[in-house]
Amino acid sequence: MTNIGERISEARRVASISATDLAKRLGKTSSTVSQYESGRIKVGIDTLIQISEICRADLYWLLTGKGKKVVAENDLIDEELVSLSNEHSDKIDVDVLVKIKKEVEGIYKAQIEDLKKQLLKAEEEKNRFINIVEKFVSVKHKVAGSMAAVVREINLLSSGPVTMQRNFVV
């Protein structure tokens, strides 16, 4: 399975866009795009959305590697509308086609917003989990320190040495 950087690179190649051109369109350096593609730096969701739009790559595919690579969104829809209206100008109501185009764009925008919300929620869950683990480790160290103090006190008060076994499971 490919990683997100490899999918960005593939989307760029499929769209016949050079790394330099993509960098310019993103307002980034070529080096940054290269680092995204190699996986040396992580891509923010806003940048990933821009890459999706520029390369006409499906955002879900860029994120997961699942589904279709290319979406027939804005530019492709516009091309189809122009083509249809030129071929059948006497039969097609352009206003209806524009309305359909806007509805399709709205669907994609809603999907993008939903993906953003899911990513933010996943990030929040990850941070909550990390916080819980850090608290657990802190409590574990405090308990281990307290146990050592109790053993020292017992040793001072008892006739023979008492040892503490460290069988903590994380």
N, C-alpha and C. Protein backbone atom coordinates (compact mmCIF):
# COMPACT_ATOMS: atom_id res chain seq x y z
N MET A 1 0.85 -1.18 0.00
CA MET A 1 0.00 0.00 0.00
C MET A 1 0.89 1.24 0.00
N THR A 2 0.47 2.24 -0.72
CA THR A 2 1.26 3.46 -0.82
C THR A 2 0.97 4.38 0.34
N ASN A 3 1.92 5.27 0.59
CA ASN A 3 1.69 6.27 1.64
C ASN A 3 1.17 7.54 0.98
N ILE A 4 0.80 8.50 1.80
CA ILE A 4 0.17 9.72 1.29
C ILE A 4 1.11 10.49 0.36
N GLY A 5 2.40 10.49 0.68
CA GLY A 5 3.37 11.18 -0.18
C GLY A 5 3.43 10.56 -1.57
N GLU A 6 3.42 9.23 -1.61
CA GLU A 6 3.44 8.55 -2.92
C GLU A 6 2.17 8.83 -3.70
N ARG A 7 1.03 8.93 -2.98
CA ARG A 7 -0.23 9.24 -3.67
C ARG A 7 -0.24 10.67 -4.20
N ILE A 8 0.37 11.59 -3.46
CA ILE A 8 0.47 12.97 -3.95
C ILE A 8 1.30 13.00 -5.23
N SER A 9 2.41 12.29 -5.21
CA SER A 9 3.29 12.22 -6.38
C SER A 9 2.54 11.61 -7.57
N GLU A 10 1.81 10.53 -7.32
CA GLU A 10 1.07 9.87 -8.39
C GLU A 10 -0.03 10.79 -8.93
N ALA A 11 -0.74 11.47 -8.06
CA ALA A 11 -1.81 12.39 -8.49
C ALA A 11 -1.22 13.50 -9.36
N ARG A 12 -0.07 13.99 -8.95
CA ARG A 12 0.59 15.06 -9.71
C ARG A 12 0.99 14.56 -11.09
N ARG A 13 1.55 13.34 -11.14
CA ARG A 13 1.98 12.77 -12.44
C ARG A 13 0.77 12.51 -13.34
N VAL A 14 -0.31 11.96 -12.78
CA VAL A 14 -1.52 11.68 -13.56
C VAL A 14 -2.09 12.98 -14.14
N ALA A 15 -2.01 14.05 -13.38
CA ALA A 15 -2.51 15.36 -13.83
C ALA A 15 -1.51 16.09 -14.73
N SER A 16 -0.35 15.46 -14.97
CA SER A 16 0.71 16.06 -15.79
C SER A 16 1.14 17.42 -15.27
N ILE A 17 1.34 17.48 -13.95
CA ILE A 17 1.79 18.71 -13.30
C ILE A 17 3.16 18.46 -12.71
N SER A 18 4.11 19.34 -13.00
CA SER A 18 5.45 19.17 -12.44
C SER A 18 5.44 19.54 -10.95
N ALA A 19 6.43 19.05 -10.25
CA ALA A 19 6.54 19.38 -8.82
C ALA A 19 6.71 20.88 -8.64
N THR A 20 7.45 21.50 -9.54
CA THR A 20 7.68 22.95 -9.48
C THR A 20 6.37 23.70 -9.68
N ASP A 21 5.57 23.26 -10.67
CA ASP A 21 4.29 23.91 -10.94
C ASP A 21 3.34 23.74 -9.77
N LEU A 22 3.30 22.53 -9.21
CA LEU A 22 2.44 22.29 -8.05
C LEU A 22 2.86 23.19 -6.89
N ALA A 23 4.16 23.28 -6.68
CA ALA A 23 4.68 24.13 -5.60
C ALA A 23 4.23 25.58 -5.78
N LYS A 24 4.35 26.08 -6.99
CA LYS A 24 3.94 27.46 -7.27
C LYS A 24 2.46 27.66 -7.00
N ARG A 25 1.65 26.70 -7.46
CA ARG A 25 0.20 26.82 -7.29
C ARG A 25 -0.22 26.70 -5.83
N LEU A 26 0.60 25.99 -5.04
CA LEU A 26 0.32 25.87 -3.61
C LEU A 26 0.89 27.03 -2.80
N GLY A 27 1.79 27.81 -3.45
CA GLY A 27 2.47 28.87 -2.72
C GLY A 27 3.56 28.31 -1.82
N LYS A 28 4.14 27.18 -2.24
CA LYS A 28 5.19 26.50 -1.47
C LYS A 28 6.44 26.42 -2.32
N THR A 29 7.51 25.92 -1.73
CA THR A 29 8.74 25.71 -2.50
C THR A 29 8.73 24.30 -3.09
N SER A 30 9.54 24.13 -4.13
CA SER A 30 9.69 22.79 -4.72
C SER A 30 10.21 21.80 -3.69
N SER A 31 11.08 22.28 -2.83
CA SER A 31 11.63 21.43 -1.78
C SER A 31 10.53 20.92 -0.85
N THR A 32 9.58 21.79 -0.52
CA THR A 32 8.47 21.39 0.36
C THR A 32 7.64 20.30 -0.31
N VAL A 33 7.32 20.48 -1.59
CA VAL A 33 6.54 19.47 -2.32
C VAL A 33 7.32 18.15 -2.34
N SER A 34 8.61 18.24 -2.59
CA SER A 34 9.45 17.04 -2.59
C SER A 34 9.41 16.34 -1.23
N GLN A 35 9.43 17.13 -0.17
CA GLN A 35 9.40 16.55 1.18
C GLN A 35 8.03 15.95 1.49
N TYR A 36 6.95 16.55 0.96
CA TYR A 36 5.61 15.94 1.11
C TYR A 36 5.62 14.56 0.44
N GLU A 37 6.13 14.54 -0.80
CA GLU A 37 6.08 13.31 -1.58
C GLU A 37 6.97 12.22 -1.00
N SER A 38 8.07 12.60 -0.37
CA SER A 38 8.96 11.60 0.21
C SER A 38 8.52 11.19 1.62
N GLY A 39 7.57 11.94 2.17
CA GLY A 39 7.08 11.62 3.51
C GLY A 39 7.94 12.21 4.63
N ARG A 40 8.89 13.07 4.27
CA ARG A 40 9.74 13.66 5.31
C ARG A 40 8.99 14.69 6.15
N ILE A 41 8.00 15.36 5.56
CA ILE A 41 7.15 16.25 6.35
C ILE A 41 5.69 15.92 6.06
N LYS A 42 4.86 16.17 7.04
CA LYS A 42 3.43 15.87 6.92
C LYS A 42 2.72 17.00 6.18
N VAL A 43 1.66 16.61 5.47
CA VAL A 43 0.87 17.56 4.71
C VAL A 43 -0.35 17.95 5.54
N GLY A 44 -0.58 19.24 5.69
CA GLY A 44 -1.77 19.71 6.40
C GLY A 44 -3.01 19.47 5.56
N ILE A 45 -4.15 19.39 6.20
CA ILE A 45 -5.40 19.09 5.49
C ILE A 45 -5.73 20.17 4.48
N ASP A 46 -5.49 21.44 4.80
CA ASP A 46 -5.78 22.51 3.85
C ASP A 46 -4.94 22.37 2.59
N THR A 47 -3.66 22.04 2.76
CA THR A 47 -2.78 21.84 1.61
C THR A 47 -3.21 20.61 0.82
N LEU A 48 -3.61 19.56 1.52
CA LEU A 48 -4.06 18.34 0.85
C LEU A 48 -5.32 18.62 0.02
N ILE A 49 -6.19 19.45 0.54
CA ILE A 49 -7.40 19.83 -0.21
C ILE A 49 -6.99 20.60 -1.47
N GLN A 50 -6.03 21.51 -1.33
CA GLN A 50 -5.55 22.26 -2.50
C GLN A 50 -4.95 21.30 -3.54
N ILE A 51 -4.15 20.35 -3.08
CA ILE A 51 -3.54 19.37 -4.00
C ILE A 51 -4.64 18.59 -4.71
N SER A 52 -5.65 18.20 -3.95
CA SER A 52 -6.78 17.47 -4.52
C SER A 52 -7.44 18.27 -5.63
N GLU A 53 -7.66 19.55 -5.37
CA GLU A 53 -8.31 20.40 -6.37
C GLU A 53 -7.41 20.65 -7.58
N ILE A 54 -6.15 20.93 -7.34
CA ILE A 54 -5.22 21.22 -8.44
C ILE A 54 -5.02 20.02 -9.34
N CYS A 55 -4.85 18.84 -8.73
CA CYS A 55 -4.57 17.62 -9.50
C CYS A 55 -5.84 16.87 -9.90
N ARG A 56 -6.99 17.40 -9.48
CA ARG A 56 -8.27 16.73 -9.70
C ARG A 56 -8.24 15.30 -9.16
N ALA A 57 -7.58 15.14 -8.01
CA ALA A 57 -7.49 13.84 -7.35
C ALA A 57 -8.54 13.76 -6.26
N ASP A 58 -9.10 12.60 -6.08
CA ASP A 58 -10.10 12.41 -5.05
C ASP A 58 -9.46 12.55 -3.68
N LEU A 59 -10.01 13.40 -2.84
CA LEU A 59 -9.44 13.67 -1.52
C LEU A 59 -9.41 12.40 -0.66
N TYR A 60 -10.48 11.63 -0.71
CA TYR A 60 -10.53 10.39 0.07
C TYR A 60 -9.42 9.44 -0.39
N TRP A 61 -9.19 9.36 -1.70
CA TRP A 61 -8.10 8.50 -2.21
C TRP A 61 -6.74 9.03 -1.73
N LEU A 62 -6.55 10.36 -1.78
CA LEU A 62 -5.28 10.91 -1.31
C LEU A 62 -5.04 10.55 0.16
N LEU A 63 -6.10 10.62 0.98
CA LEU A 63 -5.97 10.34 2.41
C LEU A 63 -5.76 8.86 2.71
N THR A 64 -6.50 8.00 1.99
CA THR A 64 -6.54 6.59 2.37
C THR A 64 -5.96 5.62 1.36
N GLY A 65 -5.90 6.03 0.10
CA GLY A 65 -5.47 5.11 -0.95
C GLY A 65 -6.63 4.26 -1.46
N LYS A 66 -7.84 4.54 -0.98
CA LYS A 66 -9.01 3.76 -1.39
C LYS A 66 -9.90 4.61 -2.28
N GLY A 67 -10.62 3.93 -3.17
CA GLY A 67 -11.55 4.63 -4.04
C GLY A 67 -10.89 5.03 -5.35
N LYS A 68 -11.56 5.93 -6.06
CA LYS A 68 -11.06 6.40 -7.36
C LYS A 68 -10.00 7.47 -7.16
N LYS A 69 -9.01 7.46 -8.03
CA LYS A 69 -7.91 8.43 -7.92
C LYS A 69 -8.34 9.82 -8.38
N VAL A 70 -9.08 9.88 -9.47
CA VAL A 70 -9.37 11.16 -10.10
C VAL A 70 -10.86 11.45 -9.97
N VAL A 71 -11.17 12.70 -9.71
CA VAL A 71 -12.57 13.11 -9.68
C VAL A 71 -12.85 13.96 -10.91
N ALA A 72 -14.04 13.85 -11.41
CA ALA A 72 -14.46 14.68 -12.54
C ALA A 72 -15.21 15.86 -11.96
N GLU A 73 -14.45 16.76 -11.33
CA GLU A 73 -15.06 17.91 -10.66
C GLU A 73 -14.90 19.15 -11.52
N ASN A 74 -15.00 20.30 -10.95
CA ASN A 74 -15.08 21.62 -11.57
C ASN A 74 -14.67 21.70 -13.05
N ASP A 75 -13.38 21.57 -13.35
CA ASP A 75 -12.92 21.78 -14.72
C ASP A 75 -13.54 20.77 -15.66
N LEU A 76 -13.59 19.51 -15.24
CA LEU A 76 -14.14 18.48 -16.11
C LEU A 76 -15.64 18.69 -16.31
N ILE A 77 -16.33 19.10 -15.27
CA ILE A 77 -17.77 19.38 -15.39
C ILE A 77 -17.97 20.55 -16.35
N ASP A 78 -17.16 21.60 -16.19
CA ASP A 78 -17.27 22.76 -17.08
C ASP A 78 -17.04 22.36 -18.53
N GLU A 79 -16.03 21.52 -18.78
CA GLU A 79 -15.74 21.07 -20.13
C GLU A 79 -16.92 20.30 -20.72
N GLU A 80 -17.52 19.43 -19.91
CA GLU A 80 -18.67 18.66 -20.37
C GLU A 80 -19.85 19.58 -20.67
N LEU A 81 -20.08 20.57 -19.81
CA LEU A 81 -21.19 21.49 -20.03
C LEU A 81 -21.01 22.27 -21.33
N VAL A 82 -19.80 22.74 -21.56
CA VAL A 82 -19.53 23.49 -22.79
C VAL A 82 -19.72 22.59 -24.00
N SER A 83 -19.20 21.37 -23.90
CA SER A 83 -19.32 20.42 -25.00
C SER A 83 -20.79 20.11 -25.29
N LEU A 84 -21.55 19.82 -24.25
CA LEU A 84 -22.97 19.51 -24.44
C LEU A 84 -23.74 20.70 -25.00
N SER A 85 -23.47 21.87 -24.45
CA SER A 85 -24.21 23.04 -24.92
C SER A 85 -23.87 23.39 -26.36
N ASN A 86 -22.61 23.16 -26.78
CA ASN A 86 -22.23 23.43 -28.16
C ASN A 86 -22.88 22.44 -29.12
N GLU A 87 -22.93 21.17 -28.72
CA GLU A 87 -23.48 20.13 -29.59
C GLU A 87 -25.00 20.20 -29.68
N HIS A 88 -25.65 20.55 -28.59
CA HIS A 88 -27.10 20.51 -28.54
C HIS A 88 -27.69 21.81 -28.03
N SER A 89 -27.18 22.91 -28.53
CA SER A 89 -27.58 24.21 -27.99
C SER A 89 -29.08 24.44 -28.10
N ASP A 90 -29.71 23.87 -29.11
CA ASP A 90 -31.14 24.08 -29.27
C ASP A 90 -31.97 23.22 -28.33
N LYS A 91 -31.38 22.18 -27.72
CA LYS A 91 -32.13 21.25 -26.88
C LYS A 91 -31.82 21.38 -25.38
N ILE A 92 -30.75 22.08 -25.04
CA ILE A 92 -30.29 22.10 -23.66
C ILE A 92 -30.53 23.46 -23.03
N ASP A 93 -31.08 23.41 -21.83
CA ASP A 93 -31.27 24.62 -21.04
C ASP A 93 -30.01 24.83 -20.20
N VAL A 94 -29.21 25.82 -20.58
CA VAL A 94 -27.93 26.06 -19.92
C VAL A 94 -28.13 26.38 -18.44
N ASP A 95 -29.20 27.07 -18.10
CA ASP A 95 -29.46 27.39 -16.69
C ASP A 95 -29.63 26.12 -15.86
N VAL A 96 -30.29 25.13 -16.44
CA VAL A 96 -30.47 23.85 -15.73
C VAL A 96 -29.11 23.18 -15.54
N LEU A 97 -28.28 23.22 -16.57
CA LEU A 97 -26.95 22.61 -16.46
C LEU A 97 -26.10 23.32 -15.40
N VAL A 98 -26.18 24.63 -15.36
CA VAL A 98 -25.43 25.39 -14.35
C VAL A 98 -25.92 25.03 -12.95
N LYS A 99 -27.23 24.89 -12.81
CA LYS A 99 -27.80 24.49 -11.52
C LYS A 99 -27.31 23.10 -11.11
N ILE A 100 -27.29 22.18 -12.05
CA ILE A 100 -26.78 20.83 -11.77
C ILE A 100 -25.31 20.89 -11.37
N LYS A 101 -24.53 21.67 -12.10
CA LYS A 101 -23.11 21.82 -11.78
C LYS A 101 -22.93 22.32 -10.35
N LYS A 102 -23.70 23.33 -9.96
CA LYS A 102 -23.60 23.89 -8.61
C LYS A 102 -23.99 22.85 -7.56
N GLU A 103 -25.00 22.04 -7.85
CA GLU A 103 -25.40 20.99 -6.92
C GLU A 103 -24.28 19.96 -6.74
N VAL A 104 -23.66 19.58 -7.85
CA VAL A 104 -22.55 18.62 -7.79
C VAL A 104 -21.39 19.21 -7.00
N GLU A 105 -21.06 20.47 -7.27
CA GLU A 105 -19.99 21.13 -6.51
C GLU A 105 -20.33 21.17 -5.03
N GLY A 106 -21.61 21.43 -4.71
CA GLY A 106 -22.04 21.45 -3.31
C GLY A 106 -21.86 20.11 -2.64
N ILE A 107 -22.13 19.05 -3.37
CA ILE A 107 -21.94 17.69 -2.83
C ILE A 107 -20.47 17.48 -2.49
N TYR A 108 -19.58 17.84 -3.41
CA TYR A 108 -18.15 17.67 -3.15
C TYR A 108 -17.69 18.52 -1.98
N LYS A 109 -18.18 19.74 -1.92
CA LYS A 109 -17.80 20.62 -0.81
C LYS A 109 -18.28 20.04 0.51
N ALA A 110 -19.49 19.49 0.52
CA ALA A 110 -20.03 18.87 1.74
C ALA A 110 -19.18 17.67 2.14
N GLN A 111 -18.75 16.87 1.16
CA GLN A 111 -17.89 15.72 1.46
C GLN A 111 -16.56 16.17 2.02
N ILE A 112 -16.00 17.23 1.46
CA ILE A 112 -14.72 17.76 1.96
C ILE A 112 -14.89 18.26 3.38
N GLU A 113 -15.96 18.98 3.65
CA GLU A 113 -16.19 19.47 5.01
C GLU A 113 -16.37 18.31 5.99
N ASP A 114 -17.06 17.26 5.55
CA ASP A 114 -17.25 16.08 6.40
C ASP A 114 -15.91 15.42 6.69
N LEU A 115 -15.06 15.30 5.67
CA LEU A 115 -13.73 14.72 5.88
C LEU A 115 -12.89 15.57 6.83
N LYS A 116 -13.00 16.90 6.69
CA LYS A 116 -12.27 17.79 7.61
C LYS A 116 -12.71 17.54 9.04
N LYS A 117 -14.04 17.45 9.24
CA LYS A 117 -14.56 17.21 10.59
C LYS A 117 -14.07 15.87 11.13
N GLN A 118 -14.07 14.84 10.28
CA GLN A 118 -13.61 13.52 10.71
C GLN A 118 -12.13 13.56 11.09
N LEU A 119 -11.33 14.28 10.31
CA LEU A 119 -9.91 14.40 10.60
C LEU A 119 -9.68 15.15 11.91
N LEU A 120 -10.42 16.22 12.12
CA LEU A 120 -10.28 16.97 13.37
C LEU A 120 -10.69 16.12 14.56
N LYS A 121 -11.77 15.37 14.41
CA LYS A 121 -12.22 14.50 15.49
C LYS A 121 -11.17 13.42 15.79
N ALA A 122 -10.60 12.84 14.73
CA ALA A 122 -9.57 11.83 14.92
C ALA A 122 -8.35 12.42 15.62
N GLU A 123 -7.99 13.64 15.25
CA GLU A 123 -6.86 14.32 15.89
C GLU A 123 -7.15 14.57 17.37
N GLU A 124 -8.38 14.99 17.67
CA GLU A 124 -8.76 15.22 19.06
C GLU A 124 -8.72 13.91 19.86
N GLU A 125 -9.21 12.83 19.27
CA GLU A 125 -9.19 11.53 19.93
C GLU A 125 -7.75 11.07 20.18
N LYS A 126 -6.90 11.29 19.19
CA LYS A 126 -5.49 10.92 19.35
C LYS A 126 -4.87 11.69 20.50
N ASN A 127 -5.14 13.00 20.55
CA ASN A 127 -4.59 13.83 21.62
C ASN A 127 -5.14 13.42 22.98
N ARG A 128 -6.43 13.08 23.04
CA ARG A 128 -7.02 12.60 24.30
C ARG A 128 -6.32 11.31 24.75
N PHE A 129 -6.10 10.39 23.82
CA PHE A 129 -5.45 9.12 24.14
C PHE A 129 -4.03 9.36 24.65
N ILE A 130 -3.29 10.23 23.97
CA ILE A 130 -1.92 10.55 24.39
C ILE A 130 -1.95 11.15 25.79
N ASN A 131 -2.89 12.03 26.07
CA ASN A 131 -3.02 12.65 27.38
C ASN A 131 -3.29 11.60 28.45
N ILE A 132 -4.17 10.66 28.17
CA ILE A 132 -4.49 9.59 29.12
C ILE A 132 -3.26 8.74 29.39
N VAL A 133 -2.54 8.38 28.35
CA VAL A 133 -1.33 7.56 28.51
C VAL A 133 -0.30 8.31 29.35
N GLU A 134 -0.12 9.60 29.06
CA GLU A 134 0.84 10.39 29.84
C GLU A 134 0.44 10.45 31.31
N LYS A 135 -0.86 10.61 31.59
CA LYS A 135 -1.32 10.63 32.98
C LYS A 135 -1.10 9.28 33.64
N PHE A 136 -1.36 8.21 32.90
CA PHE A 136 -1.16 6.86 33.44
C PHE A 136 0.31 6.64 33.80
N VAL A 137 1.20 7.04 32.91
CA VAL A 137 2.64 6.89 33.16
C VAL A 137 3.04 7.71 34.38
N SER A 138 2.51 8.92 34.49
CA SER A 138 2.83 9.77 35.63
C SER A 138 2.36 9.13 36.93
N VAL A 139 1.12 8.62 36.93
CA VAL A 139 0.59 7.96 38.12
C VAL A 139 1.40 6.72 38.44
N LYS A 140 1.78 5.97 37.42
CA LYS A 140 2.58 4.75 37.62
C LYS A 140 3.90 5.10 38.32
N HIS A 141 4.55 6.16 37.88
CA HIS A 141 5.82 6.57 38.49
C HIS A 141 5.62 7.03 39.93
N LYS A 142 4.51 7.75 40.17
CA LYS A 142 4.22 8.19 41.54
C LYS A 142 3.98 6.99 42.46
N VAL A 143 3.21 6.02 41.96
CA VAL A 143 2.92 4.82 42.75
C VAL A 143 4.20 4.05 43.02
N ALA A 144 5.04 3.91 42.00
CA ALA A 144 6.31 3.20 42.18
C ALA A 144 7.17 3.92 43.21
N GLY A 145 7.21 5.26 43.16
CA GLY A 145 7.97 6.04 44.14
C GLY A 145 7.41 5.88 45.53
N SER A 146 6.07 5.88 45.64
CA SER A 146 5.43 5.70 46.94
C SER A 146 5.71 4.32 47.50
N MET A 147 5.67 3.31 46.65
CA MET A 147 5.93 1.94 47.08
C MET A 147 7.37 1.83 47.60
N ALA A 148 8.31 2.48 46.91
CA ALA A 148 9.70 2.44 47.35
C ALA A 148 9.85 3.10 48.72
N ALA A 149 9.13 4.20 48.94
CA ALA A 149 9.17 4.88 50.24
C ALA A 149 8.59 3.99 51.33
N VAL A 150 7.51 3.29 51.04
CA VAL A 150 6.89 2.38 52.01
C VAL A 150 7.87 1.26 52.37
N VAL A 151 8.53 0.71 51.37
CA VAL A 151 9.50 -0.37 51.62
C VAL A 151 10.65 0.14 52.49
N ARG A 152 11.14 1.36 52.22
CA ARG A 152 12.20 1.93 53.05
C ARG A 152 11.74 2.07 54.51
N GLU A 153 10.52 2.56 54.70
CA GLU A 153 9.98 2.70 56.05
C GLU A 153 9.86 1.35 56.75
N ILE A 154 9.38 0.37 56.03
CA ILE A 154 9.24 -0.98 56.61
C ILE A 154 10.61 -1.52 56.99
N ASN A 155 11.60 -1.31 56.13
CA ASN A 155 12.96 -1.79 56.42
C ASN A 155 13.51 -1.12 57.67
N LEU A 156 13.21 0.16 57.83
CA LEU A 156 13.69 0.87 59.02
C LEU A 156 13.03 0.33 60.29
N LEU A 157 11.76 -0.03 60.18
CA LEU A 157 11.01 -0.47 61.35
C LEU A 157 11.11 -1.98 61.61
N SER A 158 11.47 -2.74 60.61
CA SER A 158 11.48 -4.19 60.77
C SER A 158 12.88 -4.70 61.09
N SER A 159 12.92 -5.95 61.48
CA SER A 159 14.20 -6.57 61.84
C SER A 159 14.97 -7.04 60.61
N GLY A 160 14.28 -7.40 59.55
CA GLY A 160 14.97 -7.90 58.35
C GLY A 160 14.60 -7.07 57.14
N PRO A 161 15.44 -7.10 56.14
CA PRO A 161 15.17 -6.29 54.94
C PRO A 161 13.98 -6.85 54.15
N VAL A 162 13.17 -5.93 53.63
CA VAL A 162 12.05 -6.27 52.76
C VAL A 162 12.40 -5.74 51.37
N THR A 163 12.13 -6.54 50.37
CA THR A 163 12.42 -6.08 49.00
C THR A 163 11.11 -5.83 48.27
N MET A 164 11.19 -4.95 47.31
CA MET A 164 10.01 -4.62 46.51
C MET A 164 10.21 -5.22 45.13
N GLN A 165 9.23 -5.98 44.68
CA GLN A 165 9.31 -6.54 43.33
C GLN A 165 8.68 -5.54 42.37
N ARG A 166 9.33 -5.35 41.27
CA ARG A 166 8.81 -4.39 40.29
C ARG A 166 8.17 -5.17 39.12
N ASN A 167 6.94 -5.49 39.30
CA ASN A 167 6.21 -6.22 38.28
C ASN A 167 5.07 -5.35 37.75
N PHE A 168 5.40 -4.15 37.37
CA PHE A 168 4.38 -3.26 36.84
C PHE A 168 4.19 -3.54 35.37
N VAL A 169 2.96 -3.60 34.94
CA VAL A 169 2.64 -3.82 33.55
C VAL A 169 2.01 -2.55 33.01
N VAL A 170 2.53 -2.08 31.92
CA VAL A 170 2.00 -0.87 31.31
C VAL A 170 0.99 -1.26 30.24
